[in-house]
Amino acid sequence: MIGKLTGRVDYQAADHVLLDVNGVGYTVHCSERTLAALPQVGEMAALYTELLVREDLLQLFGFLTLYEREWHRLLISVQGIGAKASMAILGTLGAEGIARAIAIGDWGAVKAAPGVGPKIAQRVVNELKDKAPATMALGGTVHEALGDAPVHVIETTAPATPRPVSSASAQAEALSALQNLGYAPSEAASAVATAAGEAPEAETPALIRAALRLLAPKE
């Protein structure tokens, strides 16, 4: 299994990049968002990868973070969602965006991805709503594991980019805190996702306070 590639960008197309890794060229398929964040041709880049194996096909898919790759794996577990549809969803929403959409049941946001119809979008939300909290909780773990990993990311504006949400790490920490307080994973995830959408730059303490206000009994 090829889990990560680090090499020179030789060529970039509309849906993939060619990485020269010690003289061997790897074609890695990426979302629009990932491609937009990669460095220029001739510069070094690193991608976490997932290998798709079929009888007549081998394809590598690339991601800037382990968190994004985990969401790709979760998305393709849904019936009717293949690697292409997963990349379209991640390219439109990003890992944090899809986490929020599923947590709050916003299938309309999922439908905004090219090639994803309303039935498939609803299926994604319905099938993953119970799995979303566990994957959201991985946000803090995988970002800590990355440490100072040499992933070359250039901040840039990708097409169809929604407004930013709080970091996956902050959301994961807030989710963990709420679960430790006794809230169910699904309601905690929904509250954290809503709070993150309303306060895109909020750090963990602010997210927890905002989520608790949302979870407070309404008089």
N, C-alpha and C. Protein backbone atom coordinates (compact mmCIF):
# COMPACT_ATOMS: atom_id res chain seq x y z
N MET A 1 0.84 -1.20 0.00
CA MET A 1 0.00 0.00 0.00
C MET A 1 0.87 1.25 0.00
N ILE A 2 0.59 2.15 -0.91
CA ILE A 2 1.31 3.43 -0.98
C ILE A 2 0.52 4.43 -0.16
N GLY A 3 1.08 4.86 0.97
CA GLY A 3 0.36 5.76 1.87
C GLY A 3 0.72 7.21 1.75
N LYS A 4 1.92 7.50 1.21
CA LYS A 4 2.35 8.89 1.09
C LYS A 4 3.44 8.99 0.02
N LEU A 5 3.39 10.06 -0.73
CA LEU A 5 4.40 10.33 -1.75
C LEU A 5 4.96 11.73 -1.57
N THR A 6 6.26 11.86 -1.66
CA THR A 6 6.92 13.16 -1.63
C THR A 6 7.83 13.26 -2.84
N GLY A 7 7.62 14.26 -3.66
CA GLY A 7 8.44 14.39 -4.86
C GLY A 7 8.24 15.72 -5.55
N ARG A 8 8.82 15.84 -6.73
CA ARG A 8 8.75 17.08 -7.50
C ARG A 8 7.52 17.06 -8.41
N VAL A 9 6.84 18.18 -8.48
CA VAL A 9 5.68 18.30 -9.37
C VAL A 9 6.18 18.43 -10.80
N ASP A 10 5.90 17.42 -11.62
CA ASP A 10 6.31 17.44 -13.02
C ASP A 10 5.25 18.03 -13.93
N TYR A 11 3.98 17.79 -13.55
CA TYR A 11 2.89 18.18 -14.44
C TYR A 11 1.60 18.21 -13.64
N GLN A 12 0.73 19.16 -13.95
CA GLN A 12 -0.56 19.23 -13.28
C GLN A 12 -1.67 19.39 -14.30
N ALA A 13 -2.65 18.48 -14.24
CA ALA A 13 -3.79 18.53 -15.16
C ALA A 13 -5.04 18.94 -14.39
N ALA A 14 -6.20 18.81 -15.04
CA ALA A 14 -7.44 19.26 -14.40
C ALA A 14 -7.84 18.39 -13.22
N ASP A 15 -7.46 17.12 -13.23
CA ASP A 15 -7.89 16.23 -12.15
C ASP A 15 -6.76 15.39 -11.55
N HIS A 16 -5.53 15.63 -11.96
CA HIS A 16 -4.43 14.86 -11.40
C HIS A 16 -3.12 15.61 -11.50
N VAL A 17 -2.13 15.11 -10.77
CA VAL A 17 -0.80 15.68 -10.78
C VAL A 17 0.21 14.54 -11.01
N LEU A 18 1.30 14.83 -11.68
CA LEU A 18 2.37 13.86 -11.87
C LEU A 18 3.52 14.21 -10.94
N LEU A 19 3.80 13.30 -9.99
CA LEU A 19 4.88 13.53 -9.04
C LEU A 19 6.09 12.67 -9.40
N ASP A 20 7.24 13.30 -9.50
CA ASP A 20 8.49 12.59 -9.75
C ASP A 20 9.11 12.26 -8.39
N VAL A 21 9.07 10.98 -8.03
CA VAL A 21 9.62 10.52 -6.76
C VAL A 21 10.87 9.70 -7.05
N ASN A 22 12.03 10.34 -6.89
CA ASN A 22 13.31 9.68 -7.14
C ASN A 22 13.38 9.05 -8.53
N GLY A 23 12.87 9.78 -9.52
CA GLY A 23 12.95 9.32 -10.89
C GLY A 23 11.77 8.49 -11.37
N VAL A 24 10.85 8.18 -10.48
CA VAL A 24 9.65 7.42 -10.85
C VAL A 24 8.46 8.36 -10.81
N GLY A 25 7.70 8.41 -11.91
CA GLY A 25 6.56 9.31 -11.98
C GLY A 25 5.27 8.63 -11.53
N TYR A 26 4.58 9.26 -10.59
CA TYR A 26 3.30 8.74 -10.09
C TYR A 26 2.17 9.69 -10.48
N THR A 27 1.14 9.16 -11.13
CA THR A 27 -0.04 9.95 -11.43
C THR A 27 -0.98 9.86 -10.23
N VAL A 28 -1.26 11.01 -9.62
CA VAL A 28 -2.09 11.05 -8.42
C VAL A 28 -3.32 11.91 -8.69
N HIS A 29 -4.49 11.32 -8.59
CA HIS A 29 -5.74 12.05 -8.81
C HIS A 29 -6.10 12.83 -7.55
N CYS A 30 -6.48 14.09 -7.74
CA CYS A 30 -6.76 14.98 -6.60
C CYS A 30 -8.01 15.81 -6.86
N SER A 31 -8.58 16.33 -5.80
CA SER A 31 -9.72 17.24 -5.93
C SER A 31 -9.22 18.60 -6.42
N GLU A 32 -10.14 19.43 -6.89
CA GLU A 32 -9.78 20.78 -7.34
C GLU A 32 -9.14 21.57 -6.20
N ARG A 33 -9.66 21.38 -5.01
CA ARG A 33 -9.15 22.10 -3.84
C ARG A 33 -7.69 21.72 -3.56
N THR A 34 -7.39 20.44 -3.64
CA THR A 34 -6.02 19.98 -3.41
C THR A 34 -5.08 20.46 -4.50
N LEU A 35 -5.52 20.34 -5.74
CA LEU A 35 -4.67 20.78 -6.86
C LEU A 35 -4.35 22.27 -6.75
N ALA A 36 -5.34 23.06 -6.32
CA ALA A 36 -5.13 24.50 -6.20
C ALA A 36 -4.13 24.84 -5.11
N ALA A 37 -3.97 23.94 -4.13
CA ALA A 37 -3.08 24.21 -3.00
C ALA A 37 -1.67 23.67 -3.22
N LEU A 38 -1.46 22.94 -4.29
CA LEU A 38 -0.13 22.39 -4.54
C LEU A 38 0.82 23.46 -5.09
N PRO A 39 2.12 23.26 -4.89
CA PRO A 39 3.10 24.22 -5.41
C PRO A 39 3.21 24.14 -6.93
N GLN A 40 4.01 25.03 -7.49
CA GLN A 40 4.17 25.11 -8.93
C GLN A 40 4.98 23.93 -9.47
N VAL A 41 4.90 23.73 -10.79
CA VAL A 41 5.70 22.70 -11.46
C VAL A 41 7.18 22.94 -11.17
N GLY A 42 7.87 21.87 -10.82
CA GLY A 42 9.28 21.96 -10.50
C GLY A 42 9.57 22.05 -9.02
N GLU A 43 8.54 22.30 -8.20
CA GLU A 43 8.72 22.40 -6.76
C GLU A 43 8.32 21.10 -6.07
N MET A 44 8.74 20.93 -4.82
CA MET A 44 8.48 19.72 -4.06
C MET A 44 7.10 19.78 -3.39
N ALA A 45 6.46 18.62 -3.33
CA ALA A 45 5.15 18.51 -2.68
C ALA A 45 5.02 17.14 -2.05
N ALA A 46 4.11 17.03 -1.10
CA ALA A 46 3.84 15.74 -0.46
C ALA A 46 2.34 15.52 -0.40
N LEU A 47 1.92 14.29 -0.66
CA LEU A 47 0.50 13.95 -0.63
C LEU A 47 0.31 12.62 0.09
N TYR A 48 -0.69 12.56 0.95
CA TYR A 48 -1.11 11.28 1.51
C TYR A 48 -1.99 10.62 0.45
N THR A 49 -1.86 9.31 0.29
CA THR A 49 -2.52 8.67 -0.84
C THR A 49 -3.38 7.48 -0.45
N GLU A 50 -4.32 7.18 -1.31
CA GLU A 50 -5.18 6.01 -1.19
C GLU A 50 -5.16 5.30 -2.55
N LEU A 51 -4.90 4.01 -2.55
CA LEU A 51 -4.79 3.25 -3.78
C LEU A 51 -6.10 2.53 -4.07
N LEU A 52 -6.67 2.80 -5.24
CA LEU A 52 -7.88 2.12 -5.70
C LEU A 52 -7.45 0.95 -6.58
N VAL A 53 -7.88 -0.25 -6.22
CA VAL A 53 -7.48 -1.45 -6.96
C VAL A 53 -8.72 -2.11 -7.56
N ARG A 54 -8.70 -2.24 -8.88
CA ARG A 54 -9.74 -2.98 -9.58
C ARG A 54 -9.06 -3.99 -10.50
N GLU A 55 -9.86 -4.85 -11.10
CA GLU A 55 -9.29 -5.87 -11.96
C GLU A 55 -8.47 -5.29 -13.11
N ASP A 56 -8.96 -4.18 -13.67
CA ASP A 56 -8.29 -3.61 -14.83
C ASP A 56 -7.77 -2.20 -14.58
N LEU A 57 -7.65 -1.83 -13.28
CA LEU A 57 -7.30 -0.44 -13.00
C LEU A 57 -6.61 -0.29 -11.65
N LEU A 58 -5.57 0.52 -11.64
CA LEU A 58 -4.91 0.95 -10.40
C LEU A 58 -4.84 2.46 -10.43
N GLN A 59 -5.43 3.12 -9.42
CA GLN A 59 -5.43 4.58 -9.38
C GLN A 59 -5.03 5.06 -7.99
N LEU A 60 -4.20 6.09 -7.97
CA LEU A 60 -3.81 6.72 -6.71
C LEU A 60 -4.59 8.02 -6.54
N PHE A 61 -5.11 8.24 -5.33
CA PHE A 61 -5.80 9.48 -5.02
C PHE A 61 -5.03 10.18 -3.91
N GLY A 62 -4.86 11.50 -4.06
CA GLY A 62 -4.00 12.23 -3.14
C GLY A 62 -4.75 13.24 -2.28
N PHE A 63 -4.24 13.43 -1.05
CA PHE A 63 -4.86 14.32 -0.07
C PHE A 63 -3.79 15.09 0.68
N LEU A 64 -4.09 16.33 1.05
CA LEU A 64 -3.13 17.16 1.75
C LEU A 64 -2.96 16.74 3.21
N THR A 65 -4.02 16.16 3.80
CA THR A 65 -3.95 15.77 5.21
C THR A 65 -4.50 14.37 5.39
N LEU A 66 -4.12 13.74 6.50
CA LEU A 66 -4.66 12.43 6.84
C LEU A 66 -6.15 12.53 7.16
N TYR A 67 -6.55 13.65 7.73
CA TYR A 67 -7.96 13.86 8.06
C TYR A 67 -8.81 13.83 6.80
N GLU A 68 -8.35 14.48 5.75
CA GLU A 68 -9.08 14.48 4.48
C GLU A 68 -9.15 13.06 3.91
N ARG A 69 -8.06 12.31 4.03
CA ARG A 69 -8.06 10.94 3.52
C ARG A 69 -9.06 10.06 4.27
N GLU A 70 -9.18 10.28 5.58
CA GLU A 70 -10.15 9.51 6.36
C GLU A 70 -11.57 9.79 5.90
N TRP A 71 -11.86 11.04 5.56
CA TRP A 71 -13.20 11.37 5.07
C TRP A 71 -13.45 10.75 3.70
N HIS A 72 -12.41 10.68 2.87
CA HIS A 72 -12.54 10.02 1.58
C HIS A 72 -12.91 8.55 1.79
N ARG A 73 -12.23 7.88 2.71
CA ARG A 73 -12.52 6.48 2.97
C ARG A 73 -13.96 6.29 3.46
N LEU A 74 -14.43 7.23 4.27
CA LEU A 74 -15.79 7.14 4.78
C LEU A 74 -16.80 7.39 3.67
N LEU A 75 -16.54 8.36 2.83
CA LEU A 75 -17.46 8.68 1.74
C LEU A 75 -17.63 7.52 0.76
N ILE A 76 -16.53 6.87 0.40
CA ILE A 76 -16.64 5.78 -0.59
C ILE A 76 -17.26 4.53 0.01
N SER A 77 -17.51 4.52 1.32
CA SER A 77 -18.21 3.39 1.93
C SER A 77 -19.71 3.48 1.69
N VAL A 78 -20.17 4.64 1.22
CA VAL A 78 -21.60 4.84 0.94
C VAL A 78 -21.93 4.28 -0.44
N GLN A 79 -22.99 3.51 -0.52
CA GLN A 79 -23.40 2.94 -1.80
C GLN A 79 -23.70 4.04 -2.81
N GLY A 80 -23.12 3.93 -3.98
CA GLY A 80 -23.33 4.94 -5.02
C GLY A 80 -22.28 6.03 -5.04
N ILE A 81 -21.39 6.04 -4.04
CA ILE A 81 -20.32 7.02 -4.00
C ILE A 81 -19.00 6.33 -4.33
N GLY A 82 -18.48 6.64 -5.50
CA GLY A 82 -17.18 6.12 -5.89
C GLY A 82 -16.10 7.16 -5.61
N ALA A 83 -14.89 6.84 -6.01
CA ALA A 83 -13.77 7.75 -5.75
C ALA A 83 -13.99 9.11 -6.43
N LYS A 84 -14.54 9.10 -7.64
CA LYS A 84 -14.75 10.35 -8.37
C LYS A 84 -15.74 11.25 -7.63
N ALA A 85 -16.84 10.68 -7.16
CA ALA A 85 -17.84 11.47 -6.43
C ALA A 85 -17.27 11.98 -5.11
N SER A 86 -16.49 11.13 -4.45
CA SER A 86 -15.87 11.54 -3.19
C SER A 86 -14.95 12.74 -3.41
N MET A 87 -14.16 12.70 -4.47
CA MET A 87 -13.25 13.80 -4.75
C MET A 87 -14.03 15.08 -5.08
N ALA A 88 -15.17 14.92 -5.75
CA ALA A 88 -16.00 16.09 -6.07
C ALA A 88 -16.56 16.72 -4.79
N ILE A 89 -17.00 15.88 -3.85
CA ILE A 89 -17.54 16.38 -2.59
C ILE A 89 -16.46 17.07 -1.77
N LEU A 90 -15.30 16.42 -1.66
CA LEU A 90 -14.20 17.01 -0.90
C LEU A 90 -13.67 18.27 -1.57
N GLY A 91 -13.70 18.29 -2.89
CA GLY A 91 -13.25 19.48 -3.61
C GLY A 91 -14.16 20.66 -3.40
N THR A 92 -15.45 20.39 -3.22
CA THR A 92 -16.43 21.45 -3.02
C THR A 92 -16.49 21.92 -1.57
N LEU A 93 -16.48 20.97 -0.63
CA LEU A 93 -16.70 21.30 0.78
C LEU A 93 -15.44 21.25 1.63
N GLY A 94 -14.46 20.44 1.25
CA GLY A 94 -13.32 20.22 2.12
C GLY A 94 -13.70 19.25 3.23
N ALA A 95 -12.71 18.72 3.95
CA ALA A 95 -12.99 17.75 5.00
C ALA A 95 -13.83 18.35 6.12
N GLU A 96 -13.48 19.57 6.55
CA GLU A 96 -14.24 20.20 7.62
C GLU A 96 -15.66 20.51 7.17
N GLY A 97 -15.82 20.91 5.92
CA GLY A 97 -17.14 21.24 5.39
C GLY A 97 -18.06 20.04 5.32
N ILE A 98 -17.53 18.90 4.86
CA ILE A 98 -18.38 17.71 4.78
C ILE A 98 -18.72 17.21 6.18
N ALA A 99 -17.79 17.36 7.12
CA ALA A 99 -18.07 16.96 8.50
C ALA A 99 -19.24 17.77 9.05
N ARG A 100 -19.21 19.07 8.82
CA ARG A 100 -20.29 19.94 9.31
C ARG A 100 -21.61 19.61 8.62
N ALA A 101 -21.58 19.42 7.29
CA ALA A 101 -22.80 19.15 6.55
C ALA A 101 -23.48 17.88 7.04
N ILE A 102 -22.72 16.85 7.29
CA ILE A 102 -23.29 15.59 7.75
C ILE A 102 -23.79 15.72 9.19
N ALA A 103 -23.02 16.40 10.03
CA ALA A 103 -23.40 16.54 11.44
C ALA A 103 -24.73 17.28 11.61
N ILE A 104 -24.99 18.27 10.76
CA ILE A 104 -26.23 19.05 10.90
C ILE A 104 -27.31 18.61 9.91
N GLY A 105 -27.00 17.56 9.12
CA GLY A 105 -28.00 17.04 8.19
C GLY A 105 -28.22 17.89 6.96
N ASP A 106 -27.23 18.65 6.55
CA ASP A 106 -27.36 19.56 5.42
C ASP A 106 -27.00 18.84 4.11
N TRP A 107 -27.94 18.04 3.60
CA TRP A 107 -27.65 17.32 2.37
C TRP A 107 -27.59 18.25 1.16
N GLY A 108 -28.18 19.43 1.30
CA GLY A 108 -28.12 20.40 0.21
C GLY A 108 -26.69 20.84 -0.08
N ALA A 109 -25.86 20.94 0.97
CA ALA A 109 -24.46 21.30 0.77
C ALA A 109 -23.73 20.20 0.02
N VAL A 110 -24.06 18.94 0.33
CA VAL A 110 -23.44 17.80 -0.36
C VAL A 110 -23.87 17.79 -1.83
N LYS A 111 -25.13 18.14 -2.08
CA LYS A 111 -25.66 18.15 -3.45
C LYS A 111 -24.96 19.19 -4.32
N ALA A 112 -24.32 20.17 -3.69
CA ALA A 112 -23.64 21.22 -4.46
C ALA A 112 -22.42 20.68 -5.20
N ALA A 113 -21.94 19.50 -4.82
CA ALA A 113 -20.78 18.92 -5.49
C ALA A 113 -21.16 18.48 -6.90
N PRO A 114 -20.32 18.72 -7.91
CA PRO A 114 -20.63 18.32 -9.29
C PRO A 114 -20.91 16.83 -9.41
N GLY A 115 -22.01 16.50 -10.07
CA GLY A 115 -22.33 15.10 -10.32
C GLY A 115 -23.04 14.38 -9.19
N VAL A 116 -23.32 15.09 -8.10
CA VAL A 116 -24.00 14.47 -6.95
C VAL A 116 -25.45 14.96 -6.90
N GLY A 117 -26.37 14.04 -7.12
CA GLY A 117 -27.79 14.39 -7.12
C GLY A 117 -28.38 14.37 -5.72
N PRO A 118 -29.64 14.80 -5.60
CA PRO A 118 -30.27 14.89 -4.29
C PRO A 118 -30.40 13.55 -3.57
N LYS A 119 -30.71 12.47 -4.29
CA LYS A 119 -30.86 11.17 -3.64
C LYS A 119 -29.54 10.69 -3.06
N ILE A 120 -28.46 10.85 -3.82
CA ILE A 120 -27.15 10.43 -3.34
C ILE A 120 -26.73 11.30 -2.16
N ALA A 121 -26.99 12.61 -2.26
CA ALA A 121 -26.62 13.53 -1.18
C ALA A 121 -27.34 13.15 0.11
N GLN A 122 -28.64 12.85 0.00
CA GLN A 122 -29.40 12.44 1.19
C GLN A 122 -28.88 11.12 1.75
N ARG A 123 -28.48 10.22 0.86
CA ARG A 123 -27.94 8.94 1.31
C ARG A 123 -26.63 9.13 2.07
N VAL A 124 -25.80 10.03 1.58
CA VAL A 124 -24.53 10.31 2.26
C VAL A 124 -24.79 10.79 3.69
N VAL A 125 -25.70 11.73 3.83
CA VAL A 125 -26.01 12.28 5.16
C VAL A 125 -26.63 11.22 6.06
N ASN A 126 -27.59 10.46 5.52
CA ASN A 126 -28.30 9.48 6.34
C ASN A 126 -27.39 8.33 6.78
N GLU A 127 -26.52 7.86 5.87
CA GLU A 127 -25.67 6.71 6.19
C GLU A 127 -24.48 7.09 7.06
N LEU A 128 -24.05 8.34 6.99
CA LEU A 128 -22.84 8.72 7.71
C LEU A 128 -23.10 9.53 8.98
N LYS A 129 -24.34 9.88 9.25
CA LYS A 129 -24.62 10.75 10.40
C LYS A 129 -24.17 10.13 11.72
N ASP A 130 -24.27 8.80 11.82
CA ASP A 130 -23.84 8.15 13.06
C ASP A 130 -22.33 7.90 13.10
N LYS A 131 -21.69 7.95 11.93
CA LYS A 131 -20.25 7.71 11.86
C LYS A 131 -19.47 9.03 11.91
N ALA A 132 -20.14 10.13 11.61
CA ALA A 132 -19.46 11.43 11.55
C ALA A 132 -18.77 11.82 12.85
N PRO A 133 -19.40 11.64 14.03
CA PRO A 133 -18.73 12.06 15.27
C PRO A 133 -17.38 11.38 15.48
N ALA A 134 -17.29 10.08 15.18
CA ALA A 134 -16.03 9.37 15.37
C ALA A 134 -14.96 9.89 14.43
N THR A 135 -15.34 10.18 13.19
CA THR A 135 -14.36 10.69 12.23
C THR A 135 -13.98 12.13 12.57
N MET A 136 -14.96 12.94 13.02
CA MET A 136 -14.64 14.29 13.46
C MET A 136 -13.66 14.27 14.62
N ALA A 137 -13.83 13.29 15.51
CA ALA A 137 -12.94 13.19 16.67
C ALA A 137 -11.51 12.85 16.26
N LEU A 138 -11.35 12.28 15.07
CA LEU A 138 -10.00 11.97 14.59
C LEU A 138 -9.25 13.23 14.19
N GLY A 139 -9.98 14.33 14.00
CA GLY A 139 -9.35 15.57 13.54
C GLY A 139 -8.18 15.98 14.39
N GLY A 140 -8.37 16.01 15.71
CA GLY A 140 -7.28 16.40 16.59
C GLY A 140 -6.15 15.40 16.58
N THR A 141 -6.49 14.10 16.53
CA THR A 141 -5.47 13.05 16.58
C THR A 141 -4.57 13.09 15.36
N VAL A 142 -5.16 13.17 14.16
CA VAL A 142 -4.33 13.11 12.96
C VAL A 142 -3.52 14.38 12.79
N HIS A 143 -4.05 15.53 13.21
CA HIS A 143 -3.28 16.76 13.07
C HIS A 143 -2.11 16.77 14.04
N GLU A 144 -2.30 16.20 15.24
CA GLU A 144 -1.19 16.09 16.18
C GLU A 144 -0.15 15.13 15.65
N ALA A 145 -0.61 14.03 15.01
CA ALA A 145 0.32 13.04 14.49
C ALA A 145 1.17 13.61 13.37
N LEU A 146 0.60 14.55 12.62
CA LEU A 146 1.34 15.16 11.52
C LEU A 146 2.54 15.94 12.03
N GLY A 147 2.36 16.63 13.17
CA GLY A 147 3.48 17.41 13.72
C GLY A 147 4.02 18.36 12.69
N ASP A 148 5.33 18.26 12.44
CA ASP A 148 5.98 19.13 11.46
C ASP A 148 6.25 18.38 10.16
N ALA A 149 5.34 17.47 9.80
CA ALA A 149 5.52 16.70 8.56
C ALA A 149 5.68 17.65 7.39
N PRO A 150 6.59 17.32 6.44
CA PRO A 150 6.92 18.24 5.36
C PRO A 150 5.89 18.24 4.24
N VAL A 151 4.65 18.57 4.58
CA VAL A 151 3.62 18.69 3.55
C VAL A 151 3.61 20.12 3.05
N HIS A 152 3.92 20.30 1.78
CA HIS A 152 4.03 21.63 1.21
C HIS A 152 2.64 22.10 0.79
N VAL A 153 2.10 23.04 1.50
CA VAL A 153 0.77 23.57 1.19
C VAL A 153 0.88 25.07 0.99
N ILE A 154 0.35 25.55 -0.11
CA ILE A 154 0.34 26.99 -0.38
C ILE A 154 -1.10 27.47 -0.21
N GLU A 155 -1.30 28.45 0.63
CA GLU A 155 -2.64 28.99 0.82
C GLU A 155 -3.09 29.68 -0.46
N THR A 156 -4.24 29.24 -0.96
CA THR A 156 -4.75 29.82 -2.19
C THR A 156 -6.26 29.65 -2.19
N THR A 157 -6.93 30.29 -3.08
CA THR A 157 -8.37 30.18 -3.16
C THR A 157 -8.76 29.17 -4.20
N ALA A 158 -9.44 28.13 -3.79
CA ALA A 158 -9.87 27.08 -4.72
C ALA A 158 -11.27 27.40 -5.22
N PRO A 159 -11.64 26.88 -6.39
CA PRO A 159 -12.98 27.12 -6.90
C PRO A 159 -14.03 26.54 -5.98
N ALA A 160 -15.17 27.20 -5.92
CA ALA A 160 -16.32 26.74 -5.15
C ALA A 160 -15.97 26.50 -3.69
N THR A 161 -15.14 27.35 -3.13
CA THR A 161 -14.73 27.19 -1.74
C THR A 161 -15.75 27.85 -0.81
N PRO A 162 -16.36 27.08 0.12
CA PRO A 162 -17.30 27.69 1.06
C PRO A 162 -16.54 28.48 2.10
N ARG A 163 -17.26 29.25 2.92
CA ARG A 163 -16.59 30.02 3.94
C ARG A 163 -15.86 29.07 4.89
N PRO A 164 -14.72 29.48 5.43
CA PRO A 164 -13.94 28.59 6.27
C PRO A 164 -14.65 28.25 7.56
N VAL A 165 -14.34 27.07 8.10
CA VAL A 165 -14.86 26.69 9.40
C VAL A 165 -13.69 26.47 10.33
N SER A 166 -13.98 26.36 11.63
CA SER A 166 -12.92 26.17 12.60
C SER A 166 -12.11 24.93 12.25
N SER A 167 -10.88 24.89 12.70
CA SER A 167 -9.99 23.78 12.35
C SER A 167 -10.55 22.46 12.83
N ALA A 168 -10.16 21.39 12.13
CA ALA A 168 -10.61 20.05 12.51
C ALA A 168 -10.15 19.72 13.92
N SER A 169 -8.96 20.19 14.28
CA SER A 169 -8.44 19.91 15.61
C SER A 169 -9.31 20.55 16.69
N ALA A 170 -9.69 21.81 16.49
CA ALA A 170 -10.53 22.49 17.48
C ALA A 170 -11.89 21.82 17.59
N GLN A 171 -12.47 21.43 16.46
CA GLN A 171 -13.77 20.77 16.49
C GLN A 171 -13.68 19.42 17.18
N ALA A 172 -12.58 18.69 16.93
CA ALA A 172 -12.41 17.39 17.55
C ALA A 172 -12.28 17.52 19.07
N GLU A 173 -11.54 18.52 19.51
CA GLU A 173 -11.37 18.74 20.95
C GLU A 173 -12.68 19.14 21.61
N ALA A 174 -13.44 20.00 20.93
CA ALA A 174 -14.74 20.42 21.47
C ALA A 174 -15.70 19.24 21.52
N LEU A 175 -15.70 18.42 20.48
CA LEU A 175 -16.56 17.24 20.44
C LEU A 175 -16.23 16.29 21.59
N SER A 176 -14.94 16.06 21.79
CA SER A 176 -14.51 15.18 22.88
C SER A 176 -14.95 15.72 24.24
N ALA A 177 -14.82 17.03 24.43
CA ALA A 177 -15.21 17.65 25.70
C ALA A 177 -16.70 17.47 25.96
N LEU A 178 -17.52 17.67 24.95
CA LEU A 178 -18.96 17.54 25.12
C LEU A 178 -19.36 16.09 25.42
N GLN A 179 -18.70 15.15 24.76
CA GLN A 179 -19.00 13.75 25.03
C GLN A 179 -18.59 13.38 26.45
N ASN A 180 -17.49 13.96 26.91
CA ASN A 180 -17.06 13.71 28.29
C ASN A 180 -18.06 14.28 29.29
N LEU A 181 -18.82 15.28 28.87
CA LEU A 181 -19.85 15.87 29.74
C LEU A 181 -21.15 15.07 29.70
N GLY A 182 -21.19 14.04 28.87
CA GLY A 182 -22.34 13.16 28.84
C GLY A 182 -23.28 13.33 27.67
N TYR A 183 -22.96 14.22 26.75
CA TYR A 183 -23.83 14.40 25.57
C TYR A 183 -23.61 13.26 24.58
N ALA A 184 -24.68 12.87 23.91
CA ALA A 184 -24.59 11.82 22.90
C ALA A 184 -23.73 12.29 21.73
N PRO A 185 -22.99 11.37 21.11
CA PRO A 185 -22.10 11.76 20.00
C PRO A 185 -22.80 12.53 18.89
N SER A 186 -24.01 12.09 18.51
CA SER A 186 -24.69 12.74 17.39
C SER A 186 -25.11 14.16 17.73
N GLU A 187 -25.68 14.39 18.93
CA GLU A 187 -26.10 15.74 19.28
C GLU A 187 -24.90 16.64 19.55
N ALA A 188 -23.82 16.08 20.10
CA ALA A 188 -22.61 16.86 20.32
C ALA A 188 -22.00 17.28 19.00
N ALA A 189 -21.96 16.36 18.03
CA ALA A 189 -21.39 16.67 16.72
C ALA A 189 -22.19 17.74 16.01
N SER A 190 -23.51 17.65 16.10
CA SER A 190 -24.36 18.65 15.46
C SER A 190 -24.15 20.03 16.07
N ALA A 191 -24.06 20.09 17.40
CA ALA A 191 -23.86 21.38 18.08
C ALA A 191 -22.50 21.98 17.74
N VAL A 192 -21.46 21.16 17.73
CA VAL A 192 -20.12 21.65 17.40
C VAL A 192 -20.07 22.14 15.96
N ALA A 193 -20.67 21.38 15.06
CA ALA A 193 -20.66 21.77 13.65
C ALA A 193 -21.40 23.08 13.43
N THR A 194 -22.54 23.24 14.08
CA THR A 194 -23.30 24.49 13.96
C THR A 194 -22.50 25.66 14.53
N ALA A 195 -21.89 25.45 15.70
CA ALA A 195 -21.09 26.51 16.32
C ALA A 195 -19.91 26.89 15.44
N ALA A 196 -19.28 25.89 14.83
CA ALA A 196 -18.14 26.16 13.96
C ALA A 196 -18.56 26.94 12.72
N GLY A 197 -19.75 26.65 12.22
CA GLY A 197 -20.24 27.38 11.05
C GLY A 197 -20.57 28.83 11.37
N GLU A 198 -21.05 29.08 12.59
CA GLU A 198 -21.41 30.44 12.98
C GLU A 198 -20.20 31.26 13.39
N ALA A 199 -19.13 30.59 13.85
CA ALA A 199 -17.91 31.29 14.27
C ALA A 199 -16.70 30.60 13.64
N PRO A 200 -16.44 30.90 12.36
CA PRO A 200 -15.40 30.19 11.60
C PRO A 200 -14.02 30.19 12.23
N GLU A 201 -13.66 31.23 12.96
CA GLU A 201 -12.30 31.32 13.51
C GLU A 201 -12.22 30.90 14.97
N ALA A 202 -13.30 30.37 15.51
CA ALA A 202 -13.34 30.05 16.94
C ALA A 202 -12.36 28.95 17.32
N GLU A 203 -11.71 29.14 18.46
CA GLU A 203 -10.84 28.11 19.00
C GLU A 203 -11.65 27.19 19.91
N THR A 204 -10.99 26.16 20.45
CA THR A 204 -11.69 25.13 21.22
C THR A 204 -12.57 25.68 22.35
N PRO A 205 -12.07 26.53 23.26
CA PRO A 205 -12.92 27.01 24.36
C PRO A 205 -14.18 27.71 23.88
N ALA A 206 -14.02 28.55 22.86
CA ALA A 206 -15.18 29.28 22.33
C ALA A 206 -16.18 28.33 21.67
N LEU A 207 -15.67 27.32 20.99
CA LEU A 207 -16.56 26.33 20.37
C LEU A 207 -17.35 25.57 21.43
N ILE A 208 -16.69 25.20 22.50
CA ILE A 208 -17.37 24.47 23.57
C ILE A 208 -18.48 25.32 24.17
N ARG A 209 -18.18 26.59 24.47
CA ARG A 209 -19.19 27.47 25.06
C ARG A 209 -20.38 27.65 24.12
N ALA A 210 -20.08 27.87 22.83
CA ALA A 210 -21.16 28.08 21.86
C ALA A 210 -22.00 26.81 21.71
N ALA A 211 -21.35 25.65 21.67
CA ALA A 211 -22.08 24.39 21.53
C ALA A 211 -22.95 24.13 22.76
N LEU A 212 -22.44 24.45 23.92
CA LEU A 212 -23.21 24.25 25.15
C LEU A 212 -24.46 25.14 25.16
N ARG A 213 -24.33 26.35 24.63
CA ARG A 213 -25.51 27.24 24.54
C ARG A 213 -26.55 26.63 23.62
N LEU A 214 -26.10 26.01 22.54
CA LEU A 214 -27.03 25.38 21.60
C LEU A 214 -27.70 24.15 22.21
N LEU A 215 -26.98 23.47 23.09
CA LEU A 215 -27.50 22.26 23.70
C LEU A 215 -28.35 22.53 24.96
N ALA A 216 -28.29 23.75 25.44
CA ALA A 216 -29.02 24.09 26.66
C ALA A 216 -30.52 23.95 26.42
N PRO A 217 -31.25 23.48 27.41
CA PRO A 217 -32.72 23.33 27.27
C PRO A 217 -33.36 24.67 26.94
N LYS A 218 -34.27 24.66 26.01
CA LYS A 218 -34.97 25.90 25.63
C LYS A 218 -36.19 26.08 26.54
N GLU A 219 -36.30 27.27 27.11
CA GLU A 219 -37.42 27.55 28.01
C GLU A 219 -38.67 27.92 27.21
